[in-house]
Amino acid sequence: MVTTRRPGAYVCGIDAAMDVIGGKWKVLILWELGVKPCRFGELRRGLPGVTEKVLASHLRELEADGIVHRETYDEVPPRVSTRSPLAAPRSTPRWSPSGGGAASTCWARRPRGSR
């Protein structure tokens, strides 16, 4: 399952970002990796419903785009860990409503017209 890139120039940064992380599973993969580095099996268990083929394909695409980093350890049995360089240094993800800061206010809950 290879994602084909849209031909032509991007209109804005959001257009480029959606081309890289668009799809059903990529955002969920990044959410899981935002908490802590994971091995493949941990990711698969954390994302019920994703197949191994789709997960492996999306991880390869995210790695090729520089969104995630895959680290292979020279051990027997082989061990591979995947992490997001964008991972939050604290225990909660920076996108979490409980993460604090401006990200904790949900714009969808504000009444219309208030800013």
N, C-alpha and C. Protein backbone atom coordinates (compact mmCIF):
# COMPACT_ATOMS: atom_id res chain seq x y z
N MET A 1 0.84 -1.17 0.00
CA MET A 1 0.00 0.00 0.00
C MET A 1 0.89 1.23 0.00
N VAL A 2 1.12 1.78 -1.15
CA VAL A 2 1.96 2.95 -1.29
C VAL A 2 1.09 4.17 -1.50
N THR A 3 1.34 5.19 -0.71
CA THR A 3 0.59 6.43 -0.83
C THR A 3 1.21 7.25 -1.95
N THR A 4 0.40 7.68 -2.88
CA THR A 4 0.90 8.51 -3.96
C THR A 4 0.75 9.97 -3.57
N ARG A 5 1.77 10.72 -3.83
CA ARG A 5 1.76 12.14 -3.50
C ARG A 5 1.01 12.90 -4.59
N ARG A 6 0.40 13.98 -4.19
CA ARG A 6 -0.33 14.83 -5.11
C ARG A 6 0.66 15.55 -6.01
N PRO A 7 0.42 15.57 -7.32
CA PRO A 7 1.34 16.30 -8.21
C PRO A 7 1.16 17.81 -8.06
N GLY A 8 2.21 18.54 -8.36
CA GLY A 8 2.15 20.00 -8.30
C GLY A 8 2.61 20.55 -6.97
N ALA A 9 2.62 21.86 -6.88
CA ALA A 9 3.07 22.55 -5.69
C ALA A 9 1.97 22.58 -4.64
N TYR A 10 2.38 22.64 -3.38
CA TYR A 10 1.43 22.76 -2.29
C TYR A 10 0.96 24.20 -2.16
N VAL A 11 -0.28 24.37 -1.78
CA VAL A 11 -0.84 25.71 -1.62
C VAL A 11 -0.39 26.32 -0.30
N CYS A 12 -0.35 25.49 0.77
CA CYS A 12 0.07 25.98 2.07
C CYS A 12 0.66 24.83 2.87
N GLY A 13 1.11 25.11 4.08
CA GLY A 13 1.72 24.10 4.93
C GLY A 13 0.74 23.03 5.36
N ILE A 14 -0.50 23.41 5.55
CA ILE A 14 -1.51 22.42 5.95
C ILE A 14 -1.75 21.44 4.82
N ASP A 15 -1.71 21.92 3.59
CA ASP A 15 -1.87 21.06 2.42
C ASP A 15 -0.75 20.01 2.39
N ALA A 16 0.48 20.44 2.65
CA ALA A 16 1.62 19.51 2.67
C ALA A 16 1.50 18.53 3.83
N ALA A 17 1.11 19.03 5.00
CA ALA A 17 0.98 18.16 6.17
C ALA A 17 -0.09 17.10 5.95
N MET A 18 -1.21 17.47 5.38
CA MET A 18 -2.27 16.50 5.12
C MET A 18 -1.85 15.46 4.11
N ASP A 19 -0.97 15.83 3.20
CA ASP A 19 -0.45 14.87 2.23
C ASP A 19 0.44 13.84 2.92
N VAL A 20 1.19 14.28 3.93
CA VAL A 20 2.12 13.38 4.64
C VAL A 20 1.40 12.54 5.68
N ILE A 21 0.53 13.13 6.50
CA ILE A 21 -0.08 12.39 7.60
C ILE A 21 -1.55 12.06 7.37
N GLY A 22 -2.03 12.25 6.15
CA GLY A 22 -3.42 11.95 5.86
C GLY A 22 -3.68 10.44 5.91
N GLY A 23 -4.90 10.09 6.11
CA GLY A 23 -5.28 8.68 6.17
C GLY A 23 -5.87 8.32 7.51
N LYS A 24 -6.37 7.11 7.58
CA LYS A 24 -7.08 6.68 8.77
C LYS A 24 -6.15 6.40 9.96
N TRP A 25 -4.97 5.84 9.71
CA TRP A 25 -4.16 5.32 10.81
C TRP A 25 -2.96 6.18 11.18
N LYS A 26 -2.46 7.03 10.29
CA LYS A 26 -1.21 7.74 10.57
C LYS A 26 -1.31 8.66 11.78
N VAL A 27 -2.40 9.38 11.92
CA VAL A 27 -2.55 10.27 13.07
C VAL A 27 -2.62 9.45 14.36
N LEU A 28 -3.31 8.32 14.32
CA LEU A 28 -3.39 7.46 15.50
C LEU A 28 -2.03 6.86 15.85
N ILE A 29 -1.24 6.52 14.84
CA ILE A 29 0.12 6.02 15.08
C ILE A 29 0.94 7.11 15.76
N LEU A 30 0.86 8.33 15.25
CA LEU A 30 1.61 9.44 15.85
C LEU A 30 1.14 9.72 17.27
N TRP A 31 -0.14 9.56 17.53
CA TRP A 31 -0.67 9.75 18.89
C TRP A 31 -0.04 8.73 19.84
N GLU A 32 0.00 7.46 19.42
CA GLU A 32 0.61 6.41 20.25
C GLU A 32 2.09 6.68 20.47
N LEU A 33 2.79 7.10 19.44
CA LEU A 33 4.23 7.36 19.56
C LEU A 33 4.52 8.65 20.31
N GLY A 34 3.52 9.52 20.45
CA GLY A 34 3.71 10.76 21.20
C GLY A 34 3.81 10.52 22.69
N VAL A 35 3.29 9.39 23.14
CA VAL A 35 3.32 9.07 24.57
C VAL A 35 4.69 8.53 24.94
N LYS A 36 5.17 7.53 24.18
CA LYS A 36 6.47 6.91 24.46
C LYS A 36 6.92 6.14 23.24
N PRO A 37 8.21 5.85 23.12
CA PRO A 37 8.67 5.00 22.01
C PRO A 37 8.03 3.62 22.13
N CYS A 38 7.68 3.03 21.02
CA CYS A 38 6.99 1.74 21.03
C CYS A 38 7.67 0.76 20.08
N ARG A 39 7.58 -0.50 20.44
CA ARG A 39 7.94 -1.56 19.51
C ARG A 39 6.72 -1.85 18.66
N PHE A 40 6.92 -2.60 17.58
CA PHE A 40 5.85 -2.86 16.63
C PHE A 40 4.65 -3.53 17.30
N GLY A 41 4.89 -4.52 18.12
CA GLY A 41 3.81 -5.23 18.80
C GLY A 41 3.02 -4.34 19.74
N GLU A 42 3.71 -3.42 20.43
CA GLU A 42 3.02 -2.48 21.31
C GLU A 42 2.10 -1.57 20.50
N LEU A 43 2.60 -1.10 19.36
CA LEU A 43 1.78 -0.25 18.50
C LEU A 43 0.56 -1.01 17.99
N ARG A 44 0.77 -2.25 17.57
CA ARG A 44 -0.33 -3.05 17.06
C ARG A 44 -1.40 -3.27 18.12
N ARG A 45 -0.97 -3.53 19.37
CA ARG A 45 -1.94 -3.70 20.46
C ARG A 45 -2.63 -2.39 20.82
N GLY A 46 -1.93 -1.28 20.67
CA GLY A 46 -2.49 0.02 21.01
C GLY A 46 -3.46 0.55 19.96
N LEU A 47 -3.45 -0.06 18.78
CA LEU A 47 -4.32 0.38 17.68
C LEU A 47 -5.19 -0.79 17.23
N PRO A 48 -6.21 -1.12 17.98
CA PRO A 48 -7.05 -2.26 17.58
C PRO A 48 -7.72 -2.00 16.24
N GLY A 49 -7.68 -2.99 15.38
CA GLY A 49 -8.30 -2.87 14.07
C GLY A 49 -7.33 -2.67 12.94
N VAL A 50 -6.11 -2.24 13.22
CA VAL A 50 -5.13 -2.05 12.16
C VAL A 50 -4.47 -3.40 11.86
N THR A 51 -4.23 -3.67 10.58
CA THR A 51 -3.56 -4.90 10.20
C THR A 51 -2.05 -4.69 10.24
N GLU A 52 -1.31 -5.78 10.35
CA GLU A 52 0.15 -5.68 10.38
C GLU A 52 0.68 -5.06 9.10
N LYS A 53 0.09 -5.42 7.97
CA LYS A 53 0.54 -4.90 6.67
C LYS A 53 0.38 -3.38 6.60
N VAL A 54 -0.78 -2.90 7.01
CA VAL A 54 -1.04 -1.45 6.96
C VAL A 54 -0.15 -0.71 7.95
N LEU A 55 0.01 -1.26 9.16
CA LEU A 55 0.85 -0.62 10.16
C LEU A 55 2.29 -0.54 9.69
N ALA A 56 2.81 -1.64 9.16
CA ALA A 56 4.20 -1.65 8.66
C ALA A 56 4.37 -0.66 7.51
N SER A 57 3.40 -0.63 6.61
CA SER A 57 3.47 0.29 5.47
C SER A 57 3.45 1.75 5.92
N HIS A 58 2.55 2.08 6.84
CA HIS A 58 2.47 3.46 7.32
C HIS A 58 3.71 3.86 8.10
N LEU A 59 4.26 2.94 8.89
CA LEU A 59 5.49 3.26 9.61
C LEU A 59 6.64 3.51 8.65
N ARG A 60 6.74 2.72 7.57
CA ARG A 60 7.78 2.96 6.57
C ARG A 60 7.61 4.32 5.90
N GLU A 61 6.36 4.68 5.57
CA GLU A 61 6.10 5.98 4.94
C GLU A 61 6.44 7.13 5.89
N LEU A 62 6.04 7.01 7.16
CA LEU A 62 6.34 8.06 8.13
C LEU A 62 7.84 8.18 8.36
N GLU A 63 8.55 7.06 8.33
CA GLU A 63 10.00 7.10 8.49
C GLU A 63 10.66 7.75 7.27
N ALA A 64 10.18 7.42 6.07
CA ALA A 64 10.73 8.02 4.85
C ALA A 64 10.49 9.53 4.82
N ASP A 65 9.39 9.98 5.40
CA ASP A 65 9.08 11.41 5.44
C ASP A 65 9.76 12.13 6.60
N GLY A 66 10.47 11.38 7.46
CA GLY A 66 11.18 11.99 8.58
C GLY A 66 10.29 12.31 9.77
N ILE A 67 9.10 11.72 9.82
CA ILE A 67 8.17 12.00 10.91
C ILE A 67 8.46 11.12 12.12
N VAL A 68 8.86 9.89 11.89
CA VAL A 68 9.22 8.98 12.99
C VAL A 68 10.63 8.47 12.78
N HIS A 69 11.24 8.04 13.86
CA HIS A 69 12.60 7.50 13.83
C HIS A 69 12.56 6.04 14.25
N ARG A 70 13.17 5.18 13.47
CA ARG A 70 13.21 3.75 13.75
C ARG A 70 14.62 3.40 14.19
N GLU A 71 14.74 2.85 15.38
CA GLU A 71 16.06 2.49 15.92
C GLU A 71 16.15 0.98 16.06
N THR A 72 17.18 0.40 15.42
CA THR A 72 17.41 -1.03 15.48
C THR A 72 18.56 -1.29 16.43
N TYR A 73 18.34 -2.20 17.37
CA TYR A 73 19.37 -2.57 18.34
C TYR A 73 20.04 -3.86 17.89
N ASP A 74 21.34 -3.92 18.02
CA ASP A 74 22.11 -5.09 17.62
C ASP A 74 22.08 -6.12 18.74
N GLU A 75 20.98 -6.84 18.83
CA GLU A 75 20.77 -7.82 19.89
C GLU A 75 20.18 -9.09 19.29
N VAL A 76 20.23 -10.15 20.06
CA VAL A 76 19.57 -11.40 19.68
C VAL A 76 18.55 -11.70 20.75
N PRO A 77 17.29 -11.81 20.47
CA PRO A 77 16.63 -11.57 19.18
C PRO A 77 16.64 -10.09 18.83
N PRO A 78 16.51 -9.78 17.53
CA PRO A 78 16.55 -8.38 17.11
C PRO A 78 15.45 -7.56 17.77
N ARG A 79 15.78 -6.33 18.10
CA ARG A 79 14.81 -5.43 18.74
C ARG A 79 14.79 -4.13 17.96
N VAL A 80 13.59 -3.67 17.63
CA VAL A 80 13.42 -2.43 16.90
C VAL A 80 12.44 -1.57 17.68
N SER A 81 12.79 -0.30 17.87
CA SER A 81 11.92 0.63 18.57
C SER A 81 11.65 1.82 17.65
N THR A 82 10.41 2.29 17.65
CA THR A 82 10.03 3.43 16.83
C THR A 82 9.60 4.55 17.76
N ARG A 83 10.04 5.78 17.45
CA ARG A 83 9.66 6.91 18.28
C ARG A 83 9.40 8.11 17.39
N SER A 84 8.67 9.05 17.93
CA SER A 84 8.41 10.29 17.23
C SER A 84 9.34 11.35 17.78
N PRO A 85 10.11 12.03 16.92
CA PRO A 85 10.95 13.11 17.41
C PRO A 85 10.12 14.25 18.00
N LEU A 86 8.83 14.27 17.72
CA LEU A 86 7.94 15.31 18.23
C LEU A 86 7.33 14.93 19.57
N ALA A 87 7.76 13.81 20.15
CA ALA A 87 7.16 13.32 21.39
C ALA A 87 7.35 14.33 22.51
N ALA A 88 6.34 14.43 23.34
CA ALA A 88 6.37 15.37 24.46
C ALA A 88 7.33 14.87 25.53
N PRO A 89 8.10 15.74 26.16
CA PRO A 89 9.02 15.31 27.20
C PRO A 89 8.33 14.92 28.50
N ARG A 90 7.08 15.30 28.67
CA ARG A 90 6.37 14.96 29.90
C ARG A 90 5.58 13.67 29.69
N SER A 91 4.89 13.24 30.73
CA SER A 91 4.22 11.96 30.67
C SER A 91 2.91 11.99 29.86
N THR A 92 2.32 13.17 29.66
CA THR A 92 1.11 13.25 28.86
C THR A 92 1.44 13.87 27.52
N PRO A 93 0.76 13.44 26.46
CA PRO A 93 1.02 14.01 25.14
C PRO A 93 0.68 15.50 25.10
N ARG A 94 1.41 16.26 24.31
CA ARG A 94 1.17 17.70 24.24
C ARG A 94 -0.16 18.01 23.59
N TRP A 95 -0.75 17.07 22.88
CA TRP A 95 -2.04 17.31 22.25
C TRP A 95 -3.19 16.90 23.16
N SER A 96 -2.88 16.34 24.29
CA SER A 96 -3.91 15.86 25.20
C SER A 96 -4.61 17.03 25.89
N PRO A 97 -5.91 16.93 26.08
CA PRO A 97 -6.60 18.00 26.80
C PRO A 97 -6.08 18.19 28.22
N SER A 98 -5.51 17.14 28.82
CA SER A 98 -4.97 17.26 30.17
C SER A 98 -3.50 17.67 30.16
N GLY A 99 -2.96 17.98 28.99
CA GLY A 99 -1.55 18.32 28.87
C GLY A 99 -1.21 19.72 29.34
N GLY A 100 -2.22 20.54 29.59
CA GLY A 100 -1.97 21.90 30.07
C GLY A 100 -1.70 22.87 28.94
N GLY A 101 -1.60 24.12 29.28
CA GLY A 101 -1.30 25.15 28.29
C GLY A 101 -2.49 25.45 27.39
N ALA A 102 -2.20 26.13 26.29
CA ALA A 102 -3.26 26.56 25.37
C ALA A 102 -3.95 25.37 24.72
N ALA A 103 -3.23 24.25 24.59
CA ALA A 103 -3.81 23.08 23.94
C ALA A 103 -4.92 22.46 24.79
N SER A 104 -4.98 22.82 26.08
CA SER A 104 -5.98 22.20 26.94
C SER A 104 -7.36 22.81 26.78
N THR A 105 -7.45 23.98 26.14
CA THR A 105 -8.76 24.57 25.92
C THR A 105 -9.29 24.06 24.59
N CYS A 106 -10.44 23.49 24.62
CA CYS A 106 -11.03 22.91 23.42
C CYS A 106 -11.85 23.99 22.70
N TRP A 107 -11.47 24.35 21.50
CA TRP A 107 -12.16 25.40 20.77
C TRP A 107 -13.59 24.99 20.44
N ALA A 108 -13.86 23.68 20.36
CA ALA A 108 -15.20 23.23 20.01
C ALA A 108 -16.20 23.48 21.14
N ARG A 109 -15.74 23.67 22.35
CA ARG A 109 -16.64 23.88 23.48
C ARG A 109 -16.96 25.36 23.72
N ARG A 110 -16.24 26.25 23.07
CA ARG A 110 -16.49 27.66 23.26
C ARG A 110 -17.77 28.06 22.53
N PRO A 111 -18.52 28.99 23.10
CA PRO A 111 -19.71 29.47 22.39
C PRO A 111 -19.31 30.22 21.12
N ARG A 112 -20.17 30.19 20.14
CA ARG A 112 -19.88 30.90 18.88
C ARG A 112 -19.65 32.39 19.14
N GLY A 113 -18.71 32.96 18.44
CA GLY A 113 -18.43 34.38 18.54
C GLY A 113 -17.48 34.75 19.65
N SER A 114 -17.16 33.85 20.59
CA SER A 114 -16.23 34.20 21.66
C SER A 114 -14.83 33.76 21.26
N ARG A 115 -13.86 34.54 21.64
CA ARG A 115 -12.47 34.21 21.33
C ARG A 115 -11.62 34.36 22.52
